């Protein structure tokens, strides 16, 4: 299943471990560590970061979408696949 997580960025939703608001201290620390380890992917295209997505591979993606928006996009993808079966 795939979902659009930012302008021009699409991700396999099965690879998502969790999504955090970038305002939390945990998210800031995770993003900082990912940047140090060259594991941060900036998907904001110059816009402000509103959330970060942590993948099962421990890579981190910064997105300009709100966490609720990302959740809804991922949920719609999962629900549409269930309804298609």
Protein backbone atom coordinates (compact mmCIF):
# COMPACT_ATOMS: atom_id res chain seq x y z
CA UNK A 1 0.00 0.00 0.00
CA UNK A 2 1.25 3.43 -0.84
CA UNK A 3 0.34 6.93 0.33
CA UNK A 4 1.40 10.44 -0.60
CA UNK A 5 3.31 11.89 2.36
CA UNK A 6 4.33 15.22 0.86
CA UNK A 7 4.39 16.93 -2.50
CA UNK A 8 6.01 14.50 -4.94
CA UNK A 9 6.79 11.92 -2.23
CA UNK A 10 5.02 8.57 -2.04
CA UNK A 11 5.82 5.87 0.50
CA UNK A 12 4.99 2.24 1.12
CA UNK A 13 2.79 2.41 4.23
CA UNK A 14 3.92 -1.07 5.31
CA UNK A 15 7.36 0.42 6.02
CA UNK A 16 6.12 3.02 8.54
CA UNK A 17 6.98 2.37 12.16
CA UNK A 18 5.40 5.56 13.54
CA UNK A 19 4.57 9.21 12.84
CA UNK A 20 5.31 12.06 15.25
CA UNK A 21 4.57 15.75 15.40
CA UNK A 22 7.81 17.65 14.91
CA UNK A 23 6.95 19.77 17.95
CA UNK A 24 7.68 16.98 20.43
CA UNK A 25 11.11 16.71 22.01
CA UNK A 26 11.27 13.05 21.00
CA UNK A 27 10.74 13.94 17.34
CA UNK A 28 13.41 16.63 17.46
CA UNK A 29 15.90 14.20 18.99
CA UNK A 30 15.05 11.46 16.48
CA UNK A 31 15.43 13.86 13.54
CA UNK A 32 18.71 15.22 14.90
CA UNK A 33 20.16 11.73 15.33
CA UNK A 34 18.98 10.72 11.86
CA UNK A 35 20.62 13.80 10.35
CA UNK A 36 23.93 12.95 12.06
CA UNK A 37 23.71 9.39 10.68
CA UNK A 38 22.72 10.49 7.16
CA UNK A 39 19.36 8.76 7.61
CA UNK A 40 17.14 11.85 7.33
CA UNK A 41 15.15 12.37 4.14
CA UNK A 42 13.72 15.86 3.75
CA UNK A 43 10.39 15.61 1.90
CA UNK A 44 9.24 19.15 2.69
CA UNK A 45 10.56 20.76 -0.51
CA UNK A 46 11.49 23.92 1.42
CA UNK A 47 8.31 24.13 3.46
CA UNK A 48 8.24 23.87 7.23
CA UNK A 49 8.42 20.43 8.83
CA UNK A 50 5.18 19.47 10.57
CA UNK A 51 5.83 15.79 11.19
CA UNK A 52 8.43 13.08 10.96
CA UNK A 53 7.92 9.53 9.79
CA UNK A 54 10.16 6.81 11.19
CA UNK A 55 10.51 3.78 8.97
CA UNK A 56 11.19 0.19 9.99
CA UNK A 57 14.68 0.65 8.52
CA UNK A 58 15.27 3.49 11.05
CA UNK A 59 15.36 6.06 8.26
CA UNK A 60 13.47 9.25 9.08
CA UNK A 61 11.42 11.34 6.67
CA UNK A 62 10.43 14.92 7.44
CA UNK A 63 7.08 15.95 5.96
CA UNK A 64 5.21 19.21 5.56
CA UNK A 65 1.91 17.41 6.27
CA UNK A 66 0.38 17.32 9.76
CA UNK A 67 0.53 13.95 11.55
CA UNK A 68 -3.29 13.67 11.43
CA UNK A 69 -3.26 14.23 7.67
CA UNK A 70 -0.63 11.52 7.22
CA UNK A 71 -2.59 9.15 9.43
CA UNK A 72 -5.75 9.75 7.40
CA UNK A 73 -3.89 9.23 4.12
CA UNK A 74 -2.42 5.95 5.36
CA UNK A 75 -5.77 4.83 6.80
CA UNK A 76 -7.58 5.56 3.55
CA UNK A 77 -5.02 3.47 1.69
CA UNK A 78 -5.43 0.53 4.05
CA UNK A 79 -9.23 0.78 4.12
CA UNK A 80 -9.53 1.01 0.34
CA UNK A 81 -7.43 -2.14 -0.06
CA UNK A 82 -9.59 -4.00 2.45
CA UNK A 83 -12.76 -2.93 0.65
CA UNK A 84 -11.32 -4.00 -2.72
CA UNK A 85 -10.99 -7.63 -1.58
